[in-house]
Amino acid sequence: VSFDARSVLPPFSPRGRNQDGLWSVCLSALHPAAIAAYPSISVHHAPADPRKPERDALVRWNPRLNDLLILLVNSLRVGFRSGDDQYRVIGSGLVRLAGGPRGEFRAYLAELVAHAFAGRIAALEAQYDAFAGQPAEWGEDCIAAIEYAKMQLEKPDFRLPADGPRDEDELARVIRSFGEMILMWPVAFEAAKSVAGELLAGVQVT
């Protein structure tokens, strides 16, 4: 992947899986007019060890921290208007939500995660019907995934990320920190850009 980073781009999440997925959502939300181009040259990604997803990982899906941040960013971008400062809208929205009353934070997050689970159930049911549950082994996995999602929704803590933090106050602090990072990111970029010439002048590439 290559980027034109002469102007500000979103920050990466500092922890958890699916960092690239969150970054892609942030890029789309914070730079709605951005254009993606596909160069004719690519670098083949060849892991040292073959990767094969385990059945449990596919059937037993639970939102992780960066998945929750994706849901939050997408929910906050809905009200964008022409001329809005997207970094301010998304950043301050996350800070306000995470720093507000815990009951409101809990209810907002629960609604988003419940909607994500419901969407997964609906998609799996549609695929199962479209292919009449065949092949049989795949159909059994679909049914198992649907039942697992329904079971998760019955748990009181279903809104908390599978990879932590599982403590609600700690989760709020992480979300607030990510919002603060987005808020200050354009300022940090401009500050770095102002000293980049001086720093790079002393760098020798060999």
C-alpha atoms as a PDB file:
ATOM      1  CA  VAL A   1       0.000   0.000   0.000  1.00  0.00           C
ATOM      2  CA  SER A   2       1.287   3.482  -0.792  1.00  0.00           C
ATOM      3  CA  PHE A   3      -0.065   6.808   0.422  1.00  0.00           C
ATOM      4  CA  ASP A   4       0.270  10.438  -0.567  1.00  0.00           C
ATOM      5  CA  ALA A   5       1.120  11.701   2.902  1.00  0.00           C
ATOM      6  CA  ARG A   6       1.942  15.278   1.931  1.00  0.00           C
ATOM      7  CA  SER A   7      -1.270  16.247   3.725  1.00  0.00           C
ATOM      8  CA  VAL A   8      -2.696  14.841   6.947  1.00  0.00           C
ATOM      9  CA  LEU A   9      -3.871  11.225   7.030  1.00  0.00           C
ATOM     10  CA  PRO A  10      -5.690   9.501   9.938  1.00  0.00           C
ATOM     11  CA  PRO A  11      -3.712   7.941  12.794  1.00  0.00           C
ATOM     12  CA  PHE A  12      -3.519   4.180  13.234  1.00  0.00           C
ATOM     13  CA  SER A  13      -5.075   2.539  16.269  1.00  0.00           C
ATOM     14  CA  PRO A  14      -2.213   1.724  18.663  1.00  0.00           C
ATOM     15  CA  ARG A  15      -3.579  -1.674  19.739  1.00  0.00           C
ATOM     16  CA  GLY A  16      -5.633  -4.711  18.792  1.00  0.00           C
ATOM     17  CA  ARG A  17      -6.509  -6.600  15.620  1.00  0.00           C
ATOM     18  CA  ASN A  18      -8.127  -5.058  12.535  1.00  0.00           C
ATOM     19  CA  GLN A  19      -6.100  -1.848  12.805  1.00  0.00           C
ATOM     20  CA  ASP A  20      -6.075  -1.613   9.010  1.00  0.00           C
ATOM     21  CA  GLY A  21      -9.861  -1.976   8.867  1.00  0.00           C
ATOM     22  CA  LEU A  22     -10.315   0.862  11.361  1.00  0.00           C
ATOM     23  CA  TRP A  23      -7.815   3.028   9.480  1.00  0.00           C
ATOM     24  CA  SER A  24      -9.699   2.471   6.219  1.00  0.00           C
ATOM     25  CA  VAL A  25     -12.974   3.542   7.861  1.00  0.00           C
ATOM     26  CA  CYS A  26     -11.283   6.618   9.380  1.00  0.00           C
ATOM     27  CA  LEU A  27      -9.797   7.550   6.007  1.00  0.00           C
ATOM     28  CA  SER A  28     -13.226   7.379   4.395  1.00  0.00           C
ATOM     29  CA  ALA A  29     -14.898   9.292   7.248  1.00  0.00           C
ATOM     30  CA  LEU A  30     -12.244  11.970   7.761  1.00  0.00           C
ATOM     31  CA  HIS A  31     -11.460  12.472   4.062  1.00  0.00           C
ATOM     32  CA  PRO A  32     -14.756  11.884   2.217  1.00  0.00           C
ATOM     33  CA  ALA A  33     -13.394  13.453  -0.971  1.00  0.00           C
ATOM     34  CA  ALA A  34     -10.251  11.281  -1.013  1.00  0.00           C
ATOM     35  CA  ILE A  35      -9.532   9.204  -4.100  1.00  0.00           C
ATOM     36  CA  ALA A  36      -8.106   5.683  -3.990  1.00  0.00           C
ATOM     37  CA  ALA A  37      -5.948   4.587  -6.898  1.00  0.00           C
ATOM     38  CA  TYR A  38      -4.604   1.131  -7.675  1.00  0.00           C
ATOM     39  CA  PRO A  39      -1.023   1.223  -9.015  1.00  0.00           C
ATOM     40  CA  SER A  40       0.139  -1.335 -11.554  1.00  0.00           C
ATOM     41  CA  ILE A  41       2.946  -2.452  -9.203  1.00  0.00           C
ATOM     42  CA  SER A  42       2.357  -4.457  -6.037  1.00  0.00           C
ATOM     43  CA  VAL A  43       4.314  -6.324  -3.379  1.00  0.00           C
ATOM     44  CA  HIS A  44       3.259  -9.910  -2.762  1.00  0.00           C
ATOM     45  CA  HIS A  45       2.378 -10.587   0.872  1.00  0.00           C
ATOM     46  CA  ALA A  46       3.755 -14.050   1.616  1.00  0.00           C
ATOM     47  CA  PRO A  47       3.718 -15.002   5.323  1.00  0.00           C
ATOM     48  CA  ALA A  48       6.463 -17.346   6.450  1.00  0.00           C
ATOM     49  CA  ASP A  49       3.857 -19.815   7.711  1.00  0.00           C
ATOM     50  CA  PRO A  50       0.627 -20.662   5.888  1.00  0.00           C
ATOM     51  CA  ARG A  51      -2.424 -19.074   7.501  1.00  0.00           C
ATOM     52  CA  LYS A  52      -5.669 -20.965   7.742  1.00  0.00           C
ATOM     53  CA  PRO A  53      -8.535 -19.564   9.824  1.00  0.00           C
ATOM     54  CA  GLU A  54      -9.819 -21.933  12.459  1.00  0.00           C
ATOM     55  CA  ARG A  55     -13.465 -22.939  12.362  1.00  0.00           C
ATOM     56  CA  ASP A  56     -14.126 -21.521  15.827  1.00  0.00           C
ATOM     57  CA  ALA A  57     -12.799 -18.114  14.784  1.00  0.00           C
ATOM     58  CA  LEU A  58     -15.330 -18.012  11.931  1.00  0.00           C
ATOM     59  CA  VAL A  59     -18.284 -19.406  13.859  1.00  0.00           C
ATOM     60  CA  ARG A  60     -17.667 -17.709  17.216  1.00  0.00           C
ATOM     61  CA  TRP A  61     -17.495 -14.101  16.029  1.00  0.00           C
ATOM     62  CA  ASN A  62     -17.275 -11.373  18.651  1.00  0.00           C
ATOM     63  CA  PRO A  63     -16.531  -7.678  18.045  1.00  0.00           C
ATOM     64  CA  ARG A  64     -13.030  -6.636  19.070  1.00  0.00           C
ATOM     65  CA  LEU A  65     -11.875  -3.214  20.247  1.00  0.00           C
ATOM     66  CA  ASN A  66     -11.144  -1.845  16.788  1.00  0.00           C
ATOM     67  CA  ASP A  67     -14.434  -3.280  15.528  1.00  0.00           C
ATOM     68  CA  LEU A  68     -16.211  -1.216  18.195  1.00  0.00           C
ATOM     69  CA  LEU A  69     -14.281   1.877  17.135  1.00  0.00           C
ATOM     70  CA  ILE A  70     -15.371   1.219  13.529  1.00  0.00           C
ATOM     71  CA  LEU A  71     -19.008   1.083  14.657  1.00  0.00           C
ATOM     72  CA  LEU A  72     -18.569   4.316  16.621  1.00  0.00           C
ATOM     73  CA  VAL A  73     -16.829   6.224  13.808  1.00  0.00           C
ATOM     74  CA  ASN A  74     -19.455   5.130  11.286  1.00  0.00           C
ATOM     75  CA  SER A  75     -22.249   6.208  13.627  1.00  0.00           C
ATOM     76  CA  LEU A  76     -20.724   9.666  14.124  1.00  0.00           C
ATOM     77  CA  ARG A  77     -20.148  10.325  10.418  1.00  0.00           C
ATOM     78  CA  VAL A  78     -23.859  10.013   9.632  1.00  0.00           C
ATOM     79  CA  GLY A  79     -24.561  13.654  10.501  1.00  0.00           C
ATOM     80  CA  PHE A  80     -21.758  15.160   8.405  1.00  0.00           C
ATOM     81  CA  ARG A  81     -22.641  18.371   6.581  1.00  0.00           C
ATOM     82  CA  SER A  82     -20.772  20.171   3.826  1.00  0.00           C
ATOM     83  CA  GLY A  83     -17.947  22.219   5.293  1.00  0.00           C
ATOM     84  CA  ASP A  84     -17.716  20.253   8.534  1.00  0.00           C
ATOM     85  CA  ASP A  85     -14.304  19.711  10.117  1.00  0.00           C
ATOM     86  CA  GLN A  86     -14.431  15.914  10.101  1.00  0.00           C
ATOM     87  CA  TYR A  87     -11.536  15.513  12.539  1.00  0.00           C
ATOM     88  CA  ARG A  88     -13.323  17.766  15.023  1.00  0.00           C
ATOM     89  CA  VAL A  89     -16.732  16.098  14.560  1.00  0.00           C
ATOM     90  CA  ILE A  90     -15.428  12.521  14.954  1.00  0.00           C
ATOM     91  CA  GLY A  91     -12.847  13.305  17.642  1.00  0.00           C
ATOM     92  CA  SER A  92     -15.112  15.432  19.820  1.00  0.00           C
ATOM     93  CA  GLY A  93     -17.965  12.942  19.337  1.00  0.00           C
ATOM     94  CA  LEU A  94     -15.865  10.091  20.723  1.00  0.00           C
ATOM     95  CA  VAL A  95     -14.587  12.235  23.598  1.00  0.00           C
ATOM     96  CA  ARG A  96     -18.095  13.423  24.471  1.00  0.00           C
ATOM     97  CA  LEU A  97     -19.577   9.926  24.353  1.00  0.00           C
ATOM     98  CA  ALA A  98     -16.823   8.267  26.393  1.00  0.00           C
ATOM     99  CA  GLY A  99     -16.694  11.110  28.909  1.00  0.00           C
ATOM    100  CA  GLY A 100     -20.444  11.371  29.375  1.00  0.00           C
ATOM    101  CA  PRO A 101     -22.821   9.534  31.718  1.00  0.00           C
ATOM    102  CA  ARG A 102     -22.033   5.819  31.854  1.00  0.00           C
ATOM    103  CA  GLY A 103     -25.665   4.875  31.270  1.00  0.00           C
ATOM    104  CA  GLU A 104     -25.740   6.770  27.967  1.00  0.00           C
ATOM    105  CA  PHE A 105     -22.372   5.328  26.938  1.00  0.00           C
ATOM    106  CA  ARG A 106     -23.548   1.804  27.781  1.00  0.00           C
ATOM    107  CA  ALA A 107     -26.839   2.175  25.901  1.00  0.00           C
ATOM    108  CA  TYR A 108     -25.209   3.721  22.813  1.00  0.00           C
ATOM    109  CA  LEU A 109     -22.581   1.004  22.573  1.00  0.00           C
ATOM    110  CA  ALA A 110     -25.108  -1.763  23.230  1.00  0.00           C
ATOM    111  CA  GLU A 111     -27.327  -0.514  20.402  1.00  0.00           C
ATOM    112  CA  LEU A 112     -24.440  -0.438  17.924  1.00  0.00           C
ATOM    113  CA  VAL A 113     -23.163  -3.905  18.852  1.00  0.00           C
ATOM    114  CA  ALA A 114     -26.670  -5.407  18.872  1.00  0.00           C
ATOM    115  CA  HIS A 115     -27.208  -3.988  15.386  1.00  0.00           C
ATOM    116  CA  ALA A 116     -23.895  -5.525  14.240  1.00  0.00           C
ATOM    117  CA  PHE A 117     -24.888  -8.942  15.592  1.00  0.00           C
ATOM    118  CA  ALA A 118     -28.353  -8.638  14.018  1.00  0.00           C
ATOM    119  CA  GLY A 119     -26.783  -7.760  10.679  1.00  0.00           C
ATOM    120  CA  ARG A 120     -24.506 -10.791  10.890  1.00  0.00           C
ATOM    121  CA  ILE A 121     -27.449 -13.066  11.690  1.00  0.00           C
ATOM    122  CA  ALA A 122     -29.496 -11.664   8.790  1.00  0.00           C
ATOM    123  CA  ALA A 123     -26.601 -12.058   6.339  1.00  0.00           C
ATOM    124  CA  LEU A 124     -25.935 -15.649   7.395  1.00  0.00           C
ATOM    125  CA  GLU A 125     -29.620 -16.560   7.164  1.00  0.00           C
ATOM    126  CA  ALA A 126     -29.841 -15.031   3.688  1.00  0.00           C
ATOM    127  CA  GLN A 127     -26.782 -16.960   2.497  1.00  0.00           C
ATOM    128  CA  TYR A 128     -28.055 -20.187   4.016  1.00  0.00           C
ATOM    129  CA  ASP A 129     -31.387 -19.790   2.219  1.00  0.00           C
ATOM    130  CA  ALA A 130     -29.747 -18.755  -1.059  1.00  0.00           C
ATOM    131  CA  PHE A 131     -27.666 -21.944  -1.176  1.00  0.00           C
ATOM    132  CA  ALA A 132     -30.190 -24.185   0.572  1.00  0.00           C
ATOM    133  CA  GLY A 133     -27.630 -24.923   3.301  1.00  0.00           C
ATOM    134  CA  GLN A 134     -25.296 -26.681   0.862  1.00  0.00           C
ATOM    135  CA  PRO A 135     -22.716 -28.019   1.061  1.00  0.00           C
ATOM    136  CA  ALA A 136     -23.931 -29.585   4.285  1.00  0.00           C
ATOM    137  CA  GLU A 137     -20.779 -28.886   6.309  1.00  0.00           C
ATOM    138  CA  TRP A 138     -20.920 -25.196   5.386  1.00  0.00           C
ATOM    139  CA  GLY A 139     -24.631 -25.122   6.212  1.00  0.00           C
ATOM    140  CA  GLU A 140     -23.934 -26.558   9.654  1.00  0.00           C
ATOM    141  CA  ASP A 141     -21.354 -23.854  10.263  1.00  0.00           C
ATOM    142  CA  CYS A 142     -23.873 -21.190   9.239  1.00  0.00           C
ATOM    143  CA  ILE A 143     -26.435 -22.517  11.709  1.00  0.00           C
ATOM    144  CA  ALA A 144     -23.787 -22.725  14.445  1.00  0.00           C
ATOM    145  CA  ALA A 145     -22.690 -19.123  13.765  1.00  0.00           C
ATOM    146  CA  ILE A 146     -26.295 -17.889  13.890  1.00  0.00           C
ATOM    147  CA  GLU A 147     -26.970 -19.687  17.164  1.00  0.00           C
ATOM    148  CA  TYR A 148     -23.722 -18.388  18.654  1.00  0.00           C
ATOM    149  CA  ALA A 149     -24.582 -14.788  17.741  1.00  0.00           C
ATOM    150  CA  LYS A 150     -28.037 -15.112  19.297  1.00  0.00           C
ATOM    151  CA  MET A 151     -26.498 -16.593  22.429  1.00  0.00           C
ATOM    152  CA  GLN A 152     -24.014 -13.711  22.715  1.00  0.00           C
ATOM    153  CA  LEU A 153     -26.817 -11.160  22.547  1.00  0.00           C
ATOM    154  CA  GLU A 154     -28.325 -12.679  25.676  1.00  0.00           C
ATOM    155  CA  LYS A 155     -25.183 -11.980  27.710  1.00  0.00           C
ATOM    156  CA  PRO A 156     -25.219  -8.779  29.808  1.00  0.00           C
ATOM    157  CA  ASP A 157     -21.710  -7.788  28.681  1.00  0.00           C
ATOM    158  CA  PHE A 158     -22.132  -8.515  24.937  1.00  0.00           C
ATOM    159  CA  ARG A 159     -21.224  -4.901  24.119  1.00  0.00           C
ATOM    160  CA  LEU A 160     -17.671  -5.215  25.527  1.00  0.00           C
ATOM    161  CA  PRO A 161     -14.810  -6.077  23.145  1.00  0.00           C
ATOM    162  CA  ALA A 162     -13.618  -9.685  23.024  1.00  0.00           C
ATOM    163  CA  ASP A 163      -9.951  -8.623  23.149  1.00  0.00           C
ATOM    164  CA  GLY A 164     -10.467  -6.145  25.998  1.00  0.00           C
ATOM    165  CA  PRO A 165     -10.647  -3.994  27.904  1.00  0.00           C
ATOM    166  CA  ARG A 166     -13.541  -5.769  29.605  1.00  0.00           C
ATOM    167  CA  ASP A 167     -13.898  -3.099  32.282  1.00  0.00           C
ATOM    168  CA  GLU A 168     -16.372  -0.427  31.150  1.00  0.00           C
ATOM    169  CA  ASP A 169     -14.448   2.491  32.669  1.00  0.00           C
ATOM    170  CA  GLU A 170     -11.204   1.332  31.045  1.00  0.00           C
ATOM    171  CA  LEU A 171     -12.984   0.905  27.704  1.00  0.00           C
ATOM    172  CA  ALA A 172     -14.332   4.442  27.968  1.00  0.00           C
ATOM    173  CA  ARG A 173     -10.807   5.743  28.646  1.00  0.00           C
ATOM    174  CA  VAL A 174      -9.461   3.966  25.543  1.00  0.00           C
ATOM    175  CA  ILE A 175     -12.256   5.342  23.349  1.00  0.00           C
ATOM    176  CA  ARG A 176     -11.790   8.829  24.792  1.00  0.00           C
ATOM    177  CA  SER A 177      -8.024   8.650  24.130  1.00  0.00           C
ATOM    178  CA  PHE A 178      -8.626   7.646  20.518  1.00  0.00           C
ATOM    179  CA  GLY A 179     -11.026  10.572  20.129  1.00  0.00           C
ATOM    180  CA  GLU A 180      -8.477  12.965  21.609  1.00  0.00           C
ATOM    181  CA  MET A 181      -5.832  11.622  19.244  1.00  0.00           C
ATOM    182  CA  ILE A 182      -8.079  12.284  16.236  1.00  0.00           C
ATOM    183  CA  LEU A 183      -8.864  15.788  17.513  1.00  0.00           C
ATOM    184  CA  MET A 184      -5.191  16.779  17.830  1.00  0.00           C
ATOM    185  CA  TRP A 185      -3.890  14.868  14.819  1.00  0.00           C
ATOM    186  CA  PRO A 186      -4.072  17.711  12.238  1.00  0.00           C
ATOM    187  CA  VAL A 187      -2.241  20.016  14.665  1.00  0.00           C
ATOM    188  CA  ALA A 188       0.413  17.376  15.343  1.00  0.00           C
ATOM    189  CA  PHE A 189       0.828  16.799  11.588  1.00  0.00           C
ATOM    190  CA  GLU A 190       1.378  20.502  10.899  1.00  0.00           C
ATOM    191  CA  ALA A 191       3.871  20.744  13.765  1.00  0.00           C
ATOM    192  CA  ALA A 192       5.809  17.745  12.419  1.00  0.00           C
ATOM    193  CA  LYS A 193       5.681  19.139   8.893  1.00  0.00           C
ATOM    194  CA  SER A 194       7.142  22.463  10.030  1.00  0.00           C
ATOM    195  CA  VAL A 195      10.301  20.799  11.373  1.00  0.00           C
ATOM    196  CA  ALA A 196      10.549  17.970   8.839  1.00  0.00           C
ATOM    197  CA  GLY A 197      12.794  19.880   6.451  1.00  0.00           C
ATOM    198  CA  GLU A 198      15.354  20.635   9.126  1.00  0.00           C
ATOM    199  CA  LEU A 199      15.344  17.057  10.430  1.00  0.00           C
ATOM    200  CA  LEU A 200      15.559  15.437   7.009  1.00  0.00           C
ATOM    201  CA  ALA A 201      18.373  17.745   5.910  1.00  0.00           C
ATOM    202  CA  GLY A 202      20.761  15.815   8.160  1.00  0.00           C
ATOM    203  CA  VAL A 203      19.616  12.361   7.011  1.00  0.00           C
ATOM    204  CA  GLN A 204      21.784  10.439   4.568  1.00  0.00           C
ATOM    205  CA  VAL A 205      20.318   7.545   2.634  1.00  0.00           C
ATOM    206  CA  THR A 206      22.884   4.902   1.665  1.00  0.00           C
END
